[in-house]
Amino acid sequence: MKKSTFRKIYDKLPAQKVVAPKTEWIKRMADICKVHPTTVRCWLAGTQKPDALRISLLSKELGVAENELFN
């Protein structure tokens, strides 16, 4: 069966996309906290601060005391 042009375009796409380590880290933190990656970027920029539950989740994941993460 002949492939459509649509399928040919799809087939030319790379199977895996290399993701920068920092981007992957932000995505992982967002997944852990059930927030959008933009929210994690706001935490990094200091424009927002996570609530106590999310600080607890991050603390456990990163192995850093809760009171040290955002101070």
Protein backbone atom coordinates (compact mmCIF):
# COMPACT_ATOMS: atom_id res chain seq x y z
CA MET A 1 0.00 0.00 0.00
CA LYS A 2 1.33 3.44 -0.95
CA LYS A 3 2.05 5.82 1.92
CA SER A 4 0.33 9.17 1.96
CA THR A 5 2.34 12.38 2.01
CA PHE A 6 1.00 12.99 5.51
CA ARG A 7 2.49 9.67 6.67
CA LYS A 8 5.79 10.36 4.90
CA ILE A 9 6.14 13.65 6.76
CA TYR A 10 5.43 11.86 10.03
CA ASP A 11 7.92 9.09 9.23
CA LYS A 12 10.70 11.66 8.65
CA LEU A 13 10.38 12.97 12.21
CA PRO A 14 13.08 11.74 14.60
CA ALA A 15 12.04 8.91 16.87
CA GLN A 16 13.55 10.60 19.92
CA LYS A 17 14.06 14.21 20.73
CA VAL A 18 17.02 15.17 22.86
CA VAL A 19 15.83 17.26 25.78
CA ALA A 20 18.12 19.59 27.70
CA PRO A 21 18.84 18.35 31.25
CA LYS A 22 17.40 21.50 32.83
CA THR A 23 14.20 21.21 30.81
CA GLU A 24 13.86 17.57 31.81
CA TRP A 25 14.45 18.48 35.49
CA ILE A 26 11.75 21.17 35.35
CA LYS A 27 9.33 18.71 33.78
CA ARG A 28 10.11 16.11 36.47
CA MET A 29 9.55 18.62 39.29
CA ALA A 30 6.28 19.70 37.67
CA ASP A 31 5.13 16.08 37.38
CA ILE A 32 5.96 15.40 41.03
CA CYS A 33 4.04 18.47 42.18
CA LYS A 34 1.20 18.09 39.66
CA VAL A 35 1.74 21.61 38.26
CA HIS A 36 2.57 23.06 34.87
CA PRO A 37 6.27 23.45 34.04
CA THR A 38 5.68 27.21 33.83
CA THR A 39 4.83 27.15 37.53
CA VAL A 40 8.17 25.53 38.31
CA ARG A 41 9.89 28.21 36.22
CA CYS A 42 8.08 30.86 38.31
CA TRP A 43 9.39 29.19 41.47
CA LEU A 44 12.89 29.32 40.02
CA ALA A 45 12.51 33.00 39.11
CA GLY A 46 11.18 33.81 42.57
CA THR A 47 7.89 35.27 41.30
CA GLN A 48 5.90 32.53 43.04
CA LYS A 49 6.49 30.17 45.95
CA PRO A 50 5.00 26.68 46.23
CA ASP A 51 2.60 25.79 49.02
CA ALA A 52 3.69 23.67 52.00
CA LEU A 53 2.58 20.37 50.44
CA ARG A 54 4.58 20.95 47.28
CA ILE A 55 7.61 22.10 49.26
CA SER A 56 7.37 18.82 51.17
CA LEU A 57 7.24 16.83 47.92
CA LEU A 58 10.22 18.69 46.49
CA SER A 59 12.15 18.28 49.73
CA LYS A 60 11.69 14.51 49.66
CA GLU A 61 12.59 14.26 45.98
CA LEU A 62 15.69 16.44 46.22
CA GLY A 63 16.89 15.38 49.66
CA VAL A 64 17.04 18.98 50.91
CA ALA A 65 15.44 20.29 54.11
CA GLU A 66 12.14 22.06 53.49
CA ASN A 67 13.31 25.27 55.17
CA GLU A 68 16.35 25.46 52.88
CA LEU A 69 14.64 25.09 49.50
CA PHE A 70 13.19 28.57 49.02
CA ASN A 71 15.08 30.70 51.57
